Amino acid sequence: MPKNKSNNAEANLEDKANEGIMTDGEVDPKLLARKKKKLPKEFYEKELFRLQVEMVKLQEWIKEKDLKVVVLFEGRDAAGKGGVIKRITEHLNPRVCRIAALPAPTEREKTQWYFERYTNHLPAAGEMVLFDRSWYNRAGVELVMGFCTEDEHQEFLRSCPEFERMLIRSGIILIKYWFSVSHGEQEKRFQGRRKQRHKYWKLSPMDMESRARWKEYSKAKDEMFAHTDIKQAPWYVVPSDDKKRARLNCMAHLLSMIPYEDLVPEIPKLPALGDIGGYVRSPMHDQTFVPELY
């Protein structure tokens, strides 16, 4: 007899994901329409590079106009946050655009005002900072895993909107993305990481525990949105079961959020090579070279 999946919560979630139903029960018509259509590789790579060139233009605009930009990337484990951050920054100047991916707080940081460790990474004029997870840890992993008390969680929900309004009043452009991945796709990516040696490091103990706490994370996310999806800094949801589309859609949206112009910098003129007459190179046997294995 066929297996009855109605008694299996995880299988139901995976079935819904395959049918284009998001984890909150809503049907995503775009996902339904595109489920069986993969972006052609040539189109994806061409469009990705076009967007990356635009990112370079945006970078130059941010530096020229002394803008301060903060972009938050949140979502479940294996939702694709790191992939889009990597594509955004691939051709950017790390002195202008930097990534903030904070480790677990130290014992000293645990005694600080909660937002303090994050404010140290905010941008100065002419900078853009991409947070690979942010202060929203308190509304997600810290709550679900018991790393904070319920009182601390409630205080975060009260103070976070005011904290973000304060950042915006100070002149910071704040953009928040939530990467939404289905249960079935997340499991598929976890299994892929388990089988690929170069991805072992992506499977942390927290990742393993999150597999058993899907419902708790879902409830925490819903409560977080209810309190922090504010007019001044709304959440933008990125459906990320299709990694390539998620990357392109997020990058295109980010570019649309900050009006910019192409400053068209002049192509630098390279001076002629200097005269090396009379220079005698030091003996090569006095230097240590890398073995030529290839």
Foldseek 3Di string as FASTA:
>chain_A
DDDDCVVPPLVVLLVCVLCQAAPVGHHDVVCNVCVPPDDPPVVLVVLLVVLLVLLQQVLVQQQVVQAWEEEEEAEAQPLQRVVLVCSNCVPPDCVAEPEDEDDPDDPVQVPDDLQVVVVVPGDGGSHYYYYDHHSCCLLAVCVVVVVDDPVVSVVCLVCVQVVVVVCVVVRYHYEYEYRGETSNLLVVVVVVLVPDPVNVVSCDPSNVVVNVVVVVRVVSVVVSQVRRCDPSYHYDYQHRSPPSVSSSVVSVVVSVSDDGDRPPDDDDDDDDDDDPPPDDDDDPVVDDDDDPPD
